[in-house]
Amino acid sequence: MRFNPVLWFIPSLVVFIGILLLSTVLSIPVQIEGVGYTDKLSHIFAYFVLIITLLFAFYKNGLLKPKNWLLLIVLCSVYGVLLEFTQYSLFPNRYFEWLDAIANVLGAFIGSVIFRFIWRVKKEPV
C-alpha cells in the first residue's frame, strides 16, 4: 500500500484550524504563575508548530525548495497578522495586539530556523 502524500499535510491543517478557532471563537486564557507574557509564548509556540508541520509536509513530498521555504514563512506570518485584524473587526471582546502579531511572525521564523538546523545536522539538504 502506497502512502498518500496528501496525508503529510493533515497535521498542518489541524494546527491551522486550531489556531483559527483559538484566535476567534474559543478563548482559553493561558497564564502560568510566575511567567510573564505567557500569552505571547503561546502565540510563538502555535506558529512554531504550524511552520514545522508545513515544512515537514513539504519536505516529505519533495516540494521544499528555498522559494517555497520563504513563501511558507511569509504565509504563516500573514495568516497570524490577518487573524489579529479579524479578531478586532469581527469578534466582540477580542482585540488586535501588535505584540501578538509579532509573536506569530517570530514563532514562524524560529520554527523555520530550527527545522533547517535539524536537517543540516542530519546532513540532508533542504
PDB file of N, CA and C in Angstrom:
ATOM      1  N   MET A   1       0.850  -1.181   0.000  1.00  0.00           N
ATOM      2  CA  MET A   1       0.000   0.000   0.000  1.00  0.00           C
ATOM      3  C   MET A   1       0.893   1.241   0.000  1.00  0.00           C
ATOM      4  N   ARG A   2       0.643   2.142  -0.913  1.00  0.00           N
ATOM      5  CA  ARG A   2       1.434   3.363  -1.045  1.00  0.00           C
ATOM      6  C   ARG A   2       0.850   4.451  -0.142  1.00  0.00           C
ATOM      7  N   PHE A   3       1.735   5.184   0.549  1.00  0.00           N
ATOM      8  CA  PHE A   3       1.298   6.256   1.444  1.00  0.00           C
ATOM      9  C   PHE A   3       0.912   7.476   0.618  1.00  0.00           C
ATOM     10  N   ASN A   4      -0.270   7.976   0.843  1.00  0.00           N
ATOM     11  CA  ASN A   4      -0.759   9.147   0.123  1.00  0.00           C
ATOM     12  C   ASN A   4      -0.014  10.399   0.597  1.00  0.00           C
ATOM     13  N   PRO A   5       0.663  11.118  -0.312  1.00  0.00           N
ATOM     14  CA  PRO A   5       1.448  12.292   0.094  1.00  0.00           C
ATOM     15  C   PRO A   5       0.611  13.398   0.736  1.00  0.00           C
ATOM     16  N   VAL A   6      -0.660  13.451   0.407  1.00  0.00           N
ATOM     17  CA  VAL A   6      -1.525  14.485   0.979  1.00  0.00           C
ATOM     18  C   VAL A   6      -1.675  14.308   2.486  1.00  0.00           C
ATOM     19  N   LEU A   7      -1.534  13.085   2.965  1.00  0.00           N
ATOM     20  CA  LEU A   7      -1.696  12.818   4.397  1.00  0.00           C
ATOM     21  C   LEU A   7      -0.659  13.548   5.253  1.00  0.00           C
ATOM     22  N   TRP A   8       0.496  13.870   4.667  1.00  0.00           N
ATOM     23  CA  TRP A   8       1.507  14.601   5.426  1.00  0.00           C
ATOM     24  C   TRP A   8       1.036  16.011   5.793  1.00  0.00           C
ATOM     25  N   PHE A   9       0.015  16.511   5.093  1.00  0.00           N
ATOM     26  CA  PHE A   9      -0.483  17.863   5.358  1.00  0.00           C
ATOM     27  C   PHE A   9      -1.578  17.900   6.430  1.00  0.00           C
ATOM     28  N   ILE A  10      -2.057  16.750   6.869  1.00  0.00           N
ATOM     29  CA  ILE A  10      -3.130  16.720   7.878  1.00  0.00           C
ATOM     30  C   ILE A  10      -2.707  17.395   9.183  1.00  0.00           C
ATOM     31  N   PRO A  11      -1.513  17.138   9.735  1.00  0.00           N
ATOM     32  CA  PRO A  11      -1.138  17.849  10.962  1.00  0.00           C
ATOM     33  C   PRO A  11      -1.139  19.375  10.783  1.00  0.00           C
ATOM     34  N   SER A  12      -0.676  19.848   9.633  1.00  0.00           N
ATOM     35  CA  SER A  12      -0.681  21.290   9.373  1.00  0.00           C
ATOM     36  C   SER A  12      -2.104  21.836   9.352  1.00  0.00           C
ATOM     37  N   LEU A  13      -2.999  21.091   8.723  1.00  0.00           N
ATOM     38  CA  LEU A  13      -4.391  21.519   8.655  1.00  0.00           C
ATOM     39  C   LEU A  13      -5.024  21.563  10.045  1.00  0.00           C
ATOM     40  N   VAL A  14      -4.722  20.579  10.868  1.00  0.00           N
ATOM     41  CA  VAL A  14      -5.248  20.551  12.242  1.00  0.00           C
ATOM     42  C   VAL A  14      -4.729  21.751  13.035  1.00  0.00           C
ATOM     43  N   VAL A  15      -3.443  22.042  12.915  1.00  0.00           N
ATOM     44  CA  VAL A  15      -2.862  23.190  13.628  1.00  0.00           C
ATOM     45  C   VAL A  15      -3.464  24.489  13.095  1.00  0.00           C
ATOM     46  N   PHE A  16      -3.582  24.596  11.771  1.00  0.00           N
ATOM     47  CA  PHE A  16      -4.168  25.778  11.130  1.00  0.00           C
ATOM     48  C   PHE A  16      -5.576  26.048  11.669  1.00  0.00           C
ATOM     49  N   ILE A  17      -6.407  25.016  11.700  1.00  0.00           N
ATOM     50  CA  ILE A  17      -7.788  25.160  12.195  1.00  0.00           C
ATOM     51  C   ILE A  17      -7.793  25.443  13.689  1.00  0.00           C
ATOM     52  N   GLY A  18      -6.899  24.784  14.429  1.00  0.00           N
ATOM     53  CA  GLY A  18      -6.814  25.034  15.874  1.00  0.00           C
ATOM     54  C   GLY A  18      -6.471  26.477  16.183  1.00  0.00           C
ATOM     55  N   ILE A  19      -5.514  27.032  15.446  1.00  0.00           N
ATOM     56  CA  ILE A  19      -5.148  28.438  15.639  1.00  0.00           C
ATOM     57  C   ILE A  19      -6.335  29.336  15.300  1.00  0.00           C
ATOM     58  N   LEU A  20      -7.014  29.026  14.209  1.00  0.00           N
ATOM     59  CA  LEU A  20      -8.184  29.816  13.807  1.00  0.00           C
ATOM     60  C   LEU A  20      -9.246  29.818  14.898  1.00  0.00           C
ATOM     61  N   LEU A  21      -9.565  28.647  15.427  1.00  0.00           N
ATOM     62  CA  LEU A  21     -10.595  28.551  16.463  1.00  0.00           C
ATOM     63  C   LEU A  21     -10.167  29.242  17.758  1.00  0.00           C
ATOM     64  N   LEU A  22      -8.927  29.020  18.164  1.00  0.00           N
ATOM     65  CA  LEU A  22      -8.450  29.643  19.404  1.00  0.00           C
ATOM     66  C   LEU A  22      -8.329  31.154  19.281  1.00  0.00           C
ATOM     67  N   SER A  23      -8.104  31.647  18.074  1.00  0.00           N
ATOM     68  CA  SER A  23      -7.958  33.085  17.866  1.00  0.00           C
ATOM     69  C   SER A  23      -9.295  33.792  17.687  1.00  0.00           C
ATOM     70  N   THR A  24     -10.342  33.038  17.441  1.00  0.00           N
ATOM     71  CA  THR A  24     -11.625  33.680  17.149  1.00  0.00           C
ATOM     72  C   THR A  24     -12.699  33.289  18.156  1.00  0.00           C
ATOM     73  N   VAL A  25     -13.246  32.106  18.045  1.00  0.00           N
ATOM     74  CA  VAL A  25     -14.420  31.755  18.849  1.00  0.00           C
ATOM     75  C   VAL A  25     -14.086  31.104  20.179  1.00  0.00           C
ATOM     76  N   LEU A  26     -12.978  30.409  20.263  1.00  0.00           N
ATOM     77  CA  LEU A  26     -12.592  29.781  21.526  1.00  0.00           C
ATOM     78  C   LEU A  26     -11.567  30.660  22.212  1.00  0.00           C
ATOM     79  N   SER A  27     -11.857  31.050  23.398  1.00  0.00           N
ATOM     80  CA  SER A  27     -10.915  31.882  24.136  1.00  0.00           C
ATOM     81  C   SER A  27     -10.494  31.130  25.383  1.00  0.00           C
ATOM     82  N   ILE A  28      -9.270  30.642  25.368  1.00  0.00           N
ATOM     83  CA  ILE A  28      -8.743  29.921  26.511  1.00  0.00           C
ATOM     84  C   ILE A  28      -7.595  30.740  27.084  1.00  0.00           C
ATOM     85  N   PRO A  29      -7.839  31.415  28.204  1.00  0.00           N
ATOM     86  CA  PRO A  29      -6.754  32.206  28.780  1.00  0.00           C
ATOM     87  C   PRO A  29      -5.644  31.294  29.297  1.00  0.00           C
ATOM     88  N   VAL A  30      -4.438  31.596  28.895  1.00  0.00           N
ATOM     89  CA  VAL A  30      -3.285  30.814  29.312  1.00  0.00           C
ATOM     90  C   VAL A  30      -2.425  31.688  30.195  1.00  0.00           C
ATOM     91  N   GLN A  31      -2.244  31.278  31.425  1.00  0.00           N
ATOM     92  CA  GLN A  31      -1.397  32.027  32.341  1.00  0.00           C
ATOM     93  C   GLN A  31      -0.685  31.044  33.248  1.00  0.00           C
ATOM     94  N   ILE A  32       0.620  31.111  33.268  1.00  0.00           N
ATOM     95  CA  ILE A  32       1.423  30.288  34.152  1.00  0.00           C
ATOM     96  C   ILE A  32       1.952  31.200  35.244  1.00  0.00           C
ATOM     97  N   GLU A  33       1.690  30.814  36.472  1.00  0.00           N
ATOM     98  CA  GLU A  33       2.090  31.660  37.585  1.00  0.00           C
ATOM     99  C   GLU A  33       3.602  31.862  37.595  1.00  0.00           C
ATOM    100  N   GLY A  34       3.992  33.098  37.717  1.00  0.00           N
ATOM    101  CA  GLY A  34       5.403  33.439  37.771  1.00  0.00           C
ATOM    102  C   GLY A  34       6.044  33.647  36.408  1.00  0.00           C
ATOM    103  N   VAL A  35       5.277  33.438  35.336  1.00  0.00           N
ATOM    104  CA  VAL A  35       5.811  33.623  33.994  1.00  0.00           C
ATOM    105  C   VAL A  35       5.019  34.739  33.318  1.00  0.00           C
ATOM    106  N   GLY A  36       5.692  35.837  33.026  1.00  0.00           N
ATOM    107  CA  GLY A  36       5.041  36.922  32.326  1.00  0.00           C
ATOM    108  C   GLY A  36       4.961  36.628  30.836  1.00  0.00           C
ATOM    109  N   TYR A  37       4.073  37.273  30.176  1.00  0.00           N
ATOM    110  CA  TYR A  37       3.918  37.152  28.727  1.00  0.00           C
ATOM    111  C   TYR A  37       3.615  35.719  28.278  1.00  0.00           C
ATOM    112  N   THR A  38       2.876  34.976  29.076  1.00  0.00           N
ATOM    113  CA  THR A  38       2.510  33.615  28.697  1.00  0.00           C
ATOM    114  C   THR A  38       1.701  33.621  27.407  1.00  0.00           C
ATOM    115  N   ASP A  39       0.871  34.626  27.232  1.00  0.00           N
ATOM    116  CA  ASP A  39       0.067  34.738  26.017  1.00  0.00           C
ATOM    117  C   ASP A  39       0.969  34.836  24.785  1.00  0.00           C
ATOM    118  N   LYS A  40       2.011  35.619  24.875  1.00  0.00           N
ATOM    119  CA  LYS A  40       2.930  35.776  23.738  1.00  0.00           C
ATOM    120  C   LYS A  40       3.673  34.474  23.463  1.00  0.00           C
ATOM    121  N   LEU A  41       4.047  33.763  24.515  1.00  0.00           N
ATOM    122  CA  LEU A  41       4.709  32.476  24.346  1.00  0.00           C
ATOM    123  C   LEU A  41       3.789  31.471  23.656  1.00  0.00           C
ATOM    124  N   SER A  42       2.497  31.523  23.967  1.00  0.00           N
ATOM    125  CA  SER A  42       1.561  30.609  23.306  1.00  0.00           C
ATOM    126  C   SER A  42       1.413  30.952  21.826  1.00  0.00           C
ATOM    127  N   HIS A  43       1.474  32.235  21.486  1.00  0.00           N
ATOM    128  CA  HIS A  43       1.446  32.639  20.075  1.00  0.00           C
ATOM    129  C   HIS A  43       2.691  32.132  19.351  1.00  0.00           C
ATOM    130  N   ILE A  44       3.846  32.320  19.968  1.00  0.00           N
ATOM    131  CA  ILE A  44       5.098  31.846  19.372  1.00  0.00           C
ATOM    132  C   ILE A  44       5.032  30.334  19.167  1.00  0.00           C
ATOM    133  N   PHE A  45       4.581  29.617  20.173  1.00  0.00           N
ATOM    134  CA  PHE A  45       4.511  28.160  20.088  1.00  0.00           C
ATOM    135  C   PHE A  45       3.554  27.697  18.989  1.00  0.00           C
ATOM    136  N   ALA A  46       2.387  28.333  18.885  1.00  0.00           N
ATOM    137  CA  ALA A  46       1.406  27.931  17.876  1.00  0.00           C
ATOM    138  C   ALA A  46       1.957  28.075  16.466  1.00  0.00           C
ATOM    139  N   TYR A  47       2.606  29.181  16.184  1.00  0.00           N
ATOM    140  CA  TYR A  47       3.142  29.398  14.840  1.00  0.00           C
ATOM    141  C   TYR A  47       4.435  28.626  14.607  1.00  0.00           C
ATOM    142  N   PHE A  48       5.148  28.319  15.661  1.00  0.00           N
ATOM    143  CA  PHE A  48       6.299  27.417  15.590  1.00  0.00           C
ATOM    144  C   PHE A  48       5.828  26.046  15.111  1.00  0.00           C
ATOM    145  N   VAL A  49       4.783  25.532  15.735  1.00  0.00           N
ATOM    146  CA  VAL A  49       4.243  24.213  15.364  1.00  0.00           C
ATOM    147  C   VAL A  49       3.676  24.248  13.954  1.00  0.00           C
ATOM    148  N   LEU A  50       2.985  25.333  13.601  1.00  0.00           N
ATOM    149  CA  LEU A  50       2.414  25.440  12.259  1.00  0.00           C
ATOM    150  C   LEU A  50       3.492  25.374  11.185  1.00  0.00           C
ATOM    151  N   ILE A  51       4.550  26.148  11.325  1.00  0.00           N
ATOM    152  CA  ILE A  51       5.587  26.165  10.289  1.00  0.00           C
ATOM    153  C   ILE A  51       6.348  24.844  10.251  1.00  0.00           C
ATOM    154  N   ILE A  52       6.595  24.238  11.410  1.00  0.00           N
ATOM    155  CA  ILE A  52       7.295  22.946  11.441  1.00  0.00           C
ATOM    156  C   ILE A  52       6.482  21.888  10.703  1.00  0.00           C
ATOM    157  N   THR A  53       5.174  21.821  10.966  1.00  0.00           N
ATOM    158  CA  THR A  53       4.349  20.807  10.297  1.00  0.00           C
ATOM    159  C   THR A  53       4.261  21.075   8.794  1.00  0.00           C
ATOM    160  N   LEU A  54       4.190  22.332   8.402  1.00  0.00           N
ATOM    161  CA  LEU A  54       4.151  22.657   6.971  1.00  0.00           C
ATOM    162  C   LEU A  54       5.479  22.319   6.287  1.00  0.00           C
ATOM    163  N   LEU A  55       6.576  22.705   6.895  1.00  0.00           N
ATOM    164  CA  LEU A  55       7.880  22.419   6.303  1.00  0.00           C
ATOM    165  C   LEU A  55       8.111  20.909   6.195  1.00  0.00           C
ATOM    166  N   PHE A  56       7.700  20.182   7.211  1.00  0.00           N
ATOM    167  CA  PHE A  56       7.861  18.727   7.186  1.00  0.00           C
ATOM    168  C   PHE A  56       7.018  18.104   6.075  1.00  0.00           C
ATOM    169  N   ALA A  57       5.779  18.566   5.915  1.00  0.00           N
ATOM    170  CA  ALA A  57       4.914  18.042   4.854  1.00  0.00           C
ATOM    171  C   ALA A  57       5.501  18.356   3.480  1.00  0.00           C
ATOM    172  N   PHE A  58       5.987  19.561   3.296  1.00  0.00           N
ATOM    173  CA  PHE A  58       6.617  19.920   2.023  1.00  0.00           C
ATOM    174  C   PHE A  58       7.868  19.069   1.782  1.00  0.00           C
ATOM    175  N   TYR A  59       8.643  18.868   2.840  1.00  0.00           N
ATOM    176  CA  TYR A  59       9.854  18.058   2.730  1.00  0.00           C
ATOM    177  C   TYR A  59       9.512  16.619   2.324  1.00  0.00           C
ATOM    178  N   LYS A  60       8.554  16.006   2.995  1.00  0.00           N
ATOM    179  CA  LYS A  60       8.185  14.627   2.718  1.00  0.00           C
ATOM    180  C   LYS A  60       7.609  14.464   1.313  1.00  0.00           C
ATOM    181  N   ASN A  61       7.070  15.523   0.745  1.00  0.00           N
ATOM    182  CA  ASN A  61       6.502  15.467  -0.600  1.00  0.00           C
ATOM    183  C   ASN A  61       7.480  15.953  -1.664  1.00  0.00           C
ATOM    184  N   GLY A  62       8.718  16.246  -1.271  1.00  0.00           N
ATOM    185  CA  GLY A  62       9.730  16.694  -2.225  1.00  0.00           C
ATOM    186  C   GLY A  62       9.480  18.086  -2.779  1.00  0.00           C
ATOM    187  N   LEU A  63       8.727  18.897  -2.045  1.00  0.00           N
ATOM    188  CA  LEU A  63       8.374  20.237  -2.503  1.00  0.00           C
ATOM    189  C   LEU A  63       9.150  21.346  -1.816  1.00  0.00           C
ATOM    190  N   LEU A  64      10.019  20.983  -0.898  1.00  0.00           N
ATOM    191  CA  LEU A  64      10.694  22.001  -0.098  1.00  0.00           C
ATOM    192  C   LEU A  64      11.917  22.540  -0.832  1.00  0.00           C
ATOM    193  N   LYS A  65      11.719  23.667  -1.467  1.00  0.00           N
ATOM    194  CA  LYS A  65      12.769  24.389  -2.181  1.00  0.00           C
ATOM    195  C   LYS A  65      12.947  25.737  -1.465  1.00  0.00           C
ATOM    196  N   PRO A  66      14.075  26.422  -1.666  1.00  0.00           N
ATOM    197  CA  PRO A  66      14.279  27.717  -0.995  1.00  0.00           C
ATOM    198  C   PRO A  66      13.132  28.706  -1.233  1.00  0.00           C
ATOM    199  N   LYS A  67      12.605  28.728  -2.457  1.00  0.00           N
ATOM    200  CA  LYS A  67      11.499  29.640  -2.758  1.00  0.00           C
ATOM    201  C   LYS A  67      10.255  29.277  -1.936  1.00  0.00           C
ATOM    202  N   ASN A  68       9.961  27.985  -1.834  1.00  0.00           N
ATOM    203  CA  ASN A  68       8.802  27.539  -1.055  1.00  0.00           C
ATOM    204  C   ASN A  68       9.017  27.789   0.436  1.00  0.00           C
ATOM    205  N   TRP A  69      10.252  27.644   0.880  1.00  0.00           N
ATOM    206  CA  TRP A  69      10.597  27.858   2.286  1.00  0.00           C
ATOM    207  C   TRP A  69      10.219  29.276   2.700  1.00  0.00           C
ATOM    208  N   LEU A  70      10.686  30.235   1.927  1.00  0.00           N
ATOM    209  CA  LEU A  70      10.393  31.639   2.215  1.00  0.00           C
ATOM    210  C   LEU A  70       8.899  31.921   2.096  1.00  0.00           C
ATOM    211  N   LEU A  71       8.265  31.341   1.096  1.00  0.00           N
ATOM    212  CA  LEU A  71       6.830  31.526   0.902  1.00  0.00           C
ATOM    213  C   LEU A  71       6.041  31.023   2.115  1.00  0.00           C
ATOM    214  N   LEU A  72       6.419  29.880   2.667  1.00  0.00           N
ATOM    215  CA  LEU A  72       5.721  29.341   3.838  1.00  0.00           C
ATOM    216  C   LEU A  72       5.886  30.246   5.060  1.00  0.00           C
ATOM    217  N   ILE A  73       7.081  30.796   5.249  1.00  0.00           N
ATOM    218  CA  ILE A  73       7.303  31.719   6.365  1.00  0.00           C
ATOM    219  C   ILE A  73       6.410  32.950   6.204  1.00  0.00           C
ATOM    220  N   VAL A  74       6.373  33.491   4.994  1.00  0.00           N
ATOM    221  CA  VAL A  74       5.553  34.680   4.724  1.00  0.00           C
ATOM    222  C   VAL A  74       4.074  34.353   4.910  1.00  0.00           C
ATOM    223  N   LEU A  75       3.617  33.221   4.391  1.00  0.00           N
ATOM    224  CA  LEU A  75       2.195  32.859   4.511  1.00  0.00           C
ATOM    225  C   LEU A  75       1.779  32.657   5.967  1.00  0.00           C
ATOM    226  N   CYS A  76       2.620  31.990   6.752  1.00  0.00           N
ATOM    227  CA  CYS A  76       2.305  31.804   8.178  1.00  0.00           C
ATOM    228  C   CYS A  76       2.262  33.150   8.900  1.00  0.00           C
ATOM    229  N   SER A  77       3.193  34.019   8.558  1.00  0.00           N
ATOM    230  CA  SER A  77       3.239  35.343   9.184  1.00  0.00           C
ATOM    231  C   SER A  77       2.010  36.169   8.806  1.00  0.00           C
ATOM    232  N   VAL A  78       1.661  36.164   7.539  1.00  0.00           N
ATOM    233  CA  VAL A  78       0.477  36.911   7.078  1.00  0.00           C
ATOM    234  C   VAL A  78      -0.785  36.351   7.722  1.00  0.00           C
ATOM    235  N   TYR A  79      -0.867  35.036   7.822  1.00  0.00           N
ATOM    236  CA  TYR A  79      -2.015  34.396   8.484  1.00  0.00           C
ATOM    237  C   TYR A  79      -2.142  34.894   9.925  1.00  0.00           C
ATOM    238  N   GLY A  80      -1.011  34.962  10.635  1.00  0.00           N
ATOM    239  CA  GLY A  80      -1.033  35.431  12.021  1.00  0.00           C
ATOM    240  C   GLY A  80      -1.471  36.875  12.148  1.00  0.00           C
ATOM    241  N   VAL A  81      -0.996  37.730  11.265  1.00  0.00           N
ATOM    242  CA  VAL A  81      -1.376  39.148  11.309  1.00  0.00           C
ATOM    243  C   VAL A  81      -2.842  39.320  10.912  1.00  0.00           C
ATOM    244  N   LEU A  82      -3.283  38.608   9.884  1.00  0.00           N
ATOM    245  CA  LEU A  82      -4.687  38.705   9.457  1.00  0.00           C
ATOM    246  C   LEU A  82      -5.648  38.220  10.537  1.00  0.00           C
ATOM    247  N   LEU A  83      -5.249  37.189  11.272  1.00  0.00           N
ATOM    248  CA  LEU A  83      -6.106  36.736  12.364  1.00  0.00           C
ATOM    249  C   LEU A  83      -6.230  37.791  13.455  1.00  0.00           C
ATOM    250  N   GLU A  84      -5.170  38.540  13.684  1.00  0.00           N
ATOM    251  CA  GLU A  84      -5.249  39.627  14.663  1.00  0.00           C
ATOM    252  C   GLU A  84      -6.249  40.694  14.201  1.00  0.00           C
ATOM    253  N   PHE A  85      -6.208  41.050  12.917  1.00  0.00           N
ATOM    254  CA  PHE A  85      -7.177  42.005  12.385  1.00  0.00           C
ATOM    255  C   PHE A  85      -8.592  41.441  12.433  1.00  0.00           C
ATOM    256  N   THR A  86      -8.734  40.159  12.146  1.00  0.00           N
ATOM    257  CA  THR A  86     -10.047  39.509  12.180  1.00  0.00           C
ATOM    258  C   THR A  86     -10.630  39.543  13.585  1.00  0.00           C
ATOM    259  N   GLN A  87      -9.807  39.275  14.574  1.00  0.00           N
ATOM    260  CA  GLN A  87     -10.270  39.347  15.963  1.00  0.00           C
ATOM    261  C   GLN A  87     -10.856  40.722  16.263  1.00  0.00           C
ATOM    262  N   TYR A  88     -10.120  41.726  15.869  1.00  0.00           N
ATOM    263  CA  TYR A  88     -10.519  43.107  16.154  1.00  0.00           C
ATOM    264  C   TYR A  88     -11.815  43.482  15.444  1.00  0.00           C
ATOM    265  N   SER A  89     -11.949  43.091  14.188  1.00  0.00           N
ATOM    266  CA  SER A  89     -13.077  43.573  13.397  1.00  0.00           C
ATOM    267  C   SER A  89     -14.335  42.719  13.513  1.00  0.00           C
ATOM    268  N   LEU A  90     -14.214  41.446  13.834  1.00  0.00           N
ATOM    269  CA  LEU A  90     -15.396  40.573  13.797  1.00  0.00           C
ATOM    270  C   LEU A  90     -15.835  40.000  15.133  1.00  0.00           C
ATOM    271  N   PHE A  91     -14.990  40.056  16.139  1.00  0.00           N
ATOM    272  CA  PHE A  91     -15.321  39.381  17.389  1.00  0.00           C
ATOM    273  C   PHE A  91     -15.315  40.359  18.557  1.00  0.00           C
ATOM    274  N   PRO A  92     -16.453  40.492  19.209  1.00  0.00           N
ATOM    275  CA  PRO A  92     -16.505  41.398  20.369  1.00  0.00           C
ATOM    276  C   PRO A  92     -15.610  40.864  21.499  1.00  0.00           C
ATOM    277  N   ASN A  93     -15.054  41.760  22.233  1.00  0.00           N
ATOM    278  CA  ASN A  93     -14.163  41.446  23.353  1.00  0.00           C
ATOM    279  C   ASN A  93     -12.845  40.803  22.916  1.00  0.00           C
ATOM    280  N   ARG A  94     -12.532  40.872  21.627  1.00  0.00           N
ATOM    281  CA  ARG A  94     -11.239  40.423  21.119  1.00  0.00           C
ATOM    282  C   ARG A  94     -10.557  41.647  20.523  1.00  0.00           C
ATOM    283  N   TYR A  95      -9.257  41.727  20.662  1.00  0.00           N
ATOM    284  CA  TYR A  95      -8.544  42.930  20.270  1.00  0.00           C
ATOM    285  C   TYR A  95      -7.345  42.608  19.390  1.00  0.00           C
ATOM    286  N   PHE A  96      -6.989  43.580  18.558  1.00  0.00           N
ATOM    287  CA  PHE A  96      -5.758  43.485  17.783  1.00  0.00           C
ATOM    288  C   PHE A  96      -4.609  43.904  18.683  1.00  0.00           C
ATOM    289  N   GLU A  97      -3.581  43.077  18.747  1.00  0.00           N
ATOM    290  CA  GLU A  97      -2.394  43.420  19.522  1.00  0.00           C
ATOM    291  C   GLU A  97      -1.162  43.239  18.648  1.00  0.00           C
ATOM    292  N   TRP A  98      -0.404  44.310  18.510  1.00  0.00           N
ATOM    293  CA  TRP A  98       0.818  44.237  17.712  1.00  0.00           C
ATOM    294  C   TRP A  98       1.790  43.212  18.259  1.00  0.00           C
ATOM    295  N   LEU A  99       1.883  43.110  19.583  1.00  0.00           N
ATOM    296  CA  LEU A  99       2.811  42.146  20.171  1.00  0.00           C
ATOM    297  C   LEU A  99       2.400  40.705  19.846  1.00  0.00           C
ATOM    298  N   ASP A 100       1.098  40.439  19.756  1.00  0.00           N
ATOM    299  CA  ASP A 100       0.639  39.111  19.339  1.00  0.00           C
ATOM    300  C   ASP A 100       1.024  38.846  17.890  1.00  0.00           C
ATOM    301  N   ALA A 101       0.837  39.836  17.040  1.00  0.00           N
ATOM    302  CA  ALA A 101       1.187  39.684  15.626  1.00  0.00           C
ATOM    303  C   ALA A 101       2.699  39.440  15.482  1.00  0.00           C
ATOM    304  N   ILE A 102       3.496  40.174  16.246  1.00  0.00           N
ATOM    305  CA  ILE A 102       4.947  39.990  16.209  1.00  0.00           C
ATOM    306  C   ILE A 102       5.321  38.605  16.729  1.00  0.00           C
ATOM    307  N   ALA A 103       4.643  38.150  17.782  1.00  0.00           N
ATOM    308  CA  ALA A 103       4.901  36.811  18.323  1.00  0.00           C
ATOM    309  C   ALA A 103       4.567  35.732  17.293  1.00  0.00           C
ATOM    310  N   ASN A 104       3.504  35.945  16.516  1.00  0.00           N
ATOM    311  CA  ASN A 104       3.147  34.983  15.464  1.00  0.00           C
ATOM    312  C   ASN A 104       4.256  34.884  14.420  1.00  0.00           C
ATOM    313  N   VAL A 105       4.725  36.030  13.969  1.00  0.00           N
ATOM    314  CA  VAL A 105       5.802  36.073  12.974  1.00  0.00           C
ATOM    315  C   VAL A 105       7.076  35.455  13.554  1.00  0.00           C
ATOM    316  N   LEU A 106       7.380  35.780  14.788  1.00  0.00           N
ATOM    317  CA  LEU A 106       8.570  35.250  15.451  1.00  0.00           C
ATOM    318  C   LEU A 106       8.504  33.728  15.566  1.00  0.00           C
ATOM    319  N   GLY A 107       7.346  33.200  15.905  1.00  0.00           N
ATOM    320  CA  GLY A 107       7.184  31.748  16.004  1.00  0.00           C
ATOM    321  C   GLY A 107       7.430  31.056  14.679  1.00  0.00           C
ATOM    322  N   ALA A 108       6.912  31.637  13.592  1.00  0.00           N
ATOM    323  CA  ALA A 108       7.136  31.068  12.253  1.00  0.00           C
ATOM    324  C   ALA A 108       8.621  31.115  11.897  1.00  0.00           C
ATOM    325  N   PHE A 109       9.266  32.221  12.218  1.00  0.00           N
ATOM    326  CA  PHE A 109      10.690  32.358  11.899  1.00  0.00           C
ATOM    327  C   PHE A 109      11.536  31.384  12.715  1.00  0.00           C
ATOM    328  N   ILE A 110      11.298  31.321  14.019  1.00  0.00           N
ATOM    329  CA  ILE A 110      12.068  30.419  14.892  1.00  0.00           C
ATOM    330  C   ILE A 110      11.880  28.967  14.457  1.00  0.00           C
ATOM    331  N   GLY A 111      10.649  28.595  14.160  1.00  0.00           N
ATOM    332  CA  GLY A 111      10.383  27.227  13.713  1.00  0.00           C
ATOM    333  C   GLY A 111      11.129  26.885  12.439  1.00  0.00           C
ATOM    334  N   SER A 112      11.171  27.819  11.499  1.00  0.00           N
ATOM    335  CA  SER A 112      11.867  27.555  10.243  1.00  0.00           C
ATOM    336  C   SER A 112      13.376  27.439  10.449  1.00  0.00           C
ATOM    337  N   VAL A 113      13.922  28.263  11.329  1.00  0.00           N
ATOM    338  CA  VAL A 113      15.361  28.201  11.612  1.00  0.00           C
ATOM    339  C   VAL A 113      15.706  26.871  12.275  1.00  0.00           C
ATOM    340  N   ILE A 114      14.910  26.451  13.236  1.00  0.00           N
ATOM    341  CA  ILE A 114      15.176  25.185  13.926  1.00  0.00           C
ATOM    342  C   ILE A 114      15.017  24.003  12.972  1.00  0.00           C
ATOM    343  N   PHE A 115      13.993  24.055  12.111  1.00  0.00           N
ATOM    344  CA  PHE A 115      13.795  22.997  11.129  1.00  0.00           C
ATOM    345  C   PHE A 115      15.019  22.889  10.224  1.00  0.00           C
ATOM    346  N   ARG A 116      15.502  23.993   9.748  1.00  0.00           N
ATOM    347  CA  ARG A 116      16.673  23.992   8.866  1.00  0.00           C
ATOM    348  C   ARG A 116      17.909  23.476   9.600  1.00  0.00           C
ATOM    349  N   PHE A 117      18.074  23.869  10.838  1.00  0.00           N
ATOM    350  CA  PHE A 117      19.221  23.416  11.628  1.00  0.00           C
ATOM    351  C   PHE A 117      19.184  21.901  11.803  1.00  0.00           C
ATOM    352  N   ILE A 118      18.032  21.363  12.120  1.00  0.00           N
ATOM    353  CA  ILE A 118      17.908  19.911  12.333  1.00  0.00           C
ATOM    354  C   ILE A 118      18.280  19.152  11.059  1.00  0.00           C
ATOM    355  N   TRP A 119      17.795  19.614   9.931  1.00  0.00           N
ATOM    356  CA  TRP A 119      18.091  18.898   8.696  1.00  0.00           C
ATOM    357  C   TRP A 119      19.530  19.095   8.235  1.00  0.00           C
ATOM    358  N   ARG A 120      20.140  20.189   8.613  1.00  0.00           N
ATOM    359  CA  ARG A 120      21.580  20.354   8.310  1.00  0.00           C
ATOM    360  C   ARG A 120      22.402  19.412   9.160  1.00  0.00           C
ATOM    361  N   VAL A 121      22.022  19.259  10.414  1.00  0.00           N
ATOM    362  CA  VAL A 121      22.741  18.347  11.307  1.00  0.00           C
ATOM    363  C   VAL A 121      22.603  16.915  10.792  1.00  0.00           C
ATOM    364  N   LYS A 122      21.450  16.586  10.242  1.00  0.00           N
ATOM    365  CA  LYS A 122      21.238  15.251   9.694  1.00  0.00           C
ATOM    366  C   LYS A 122      21.934  15.079   8.344  1.00  0.00           C
ATOM    367  N   LYS A 123      22.560  16.120   7.869  1.00  0.00           N
ATOM    368  CA  LYS A 123      23.281  16.121   6.592  1.00  0.00           C
ATOM    369  C   LYS A 123      22.352  15.903   5.393  1.00  0.00           C
ATOM    370  N   GLU A 124      21.115  16.297   5.549  1.00  0.00           N
ATOM    371  CA  GLU A 124      20.166  16.210   4.444  1.00  0.00           C
ATOM    372  C   GLU A 124      19.899  17.622   3.945  1.00  0.00           C
ATOM    373  N   PRO A 125      20.186  17.912   2.685  1.00  0.00           N
ATOM    374  CA  PRO A 125      19.923  19.263   2.181  1.00  0.00           C
ATOM    375  C   PRO A 125      18.439  19.541   2.135  1.00  0.00           C
ATOM    376  N   VAL A 126      18.099  20.732   2.551  1.00  0.00           N
ATOM    377  CA  VAL A 126      16.693  21.151   2.497  1.00  0.00           C
ATOM    378  C   VAL A 126      16.599  22.401   1.669  1.00  0.00           C
TER     379      VAL A 126
END
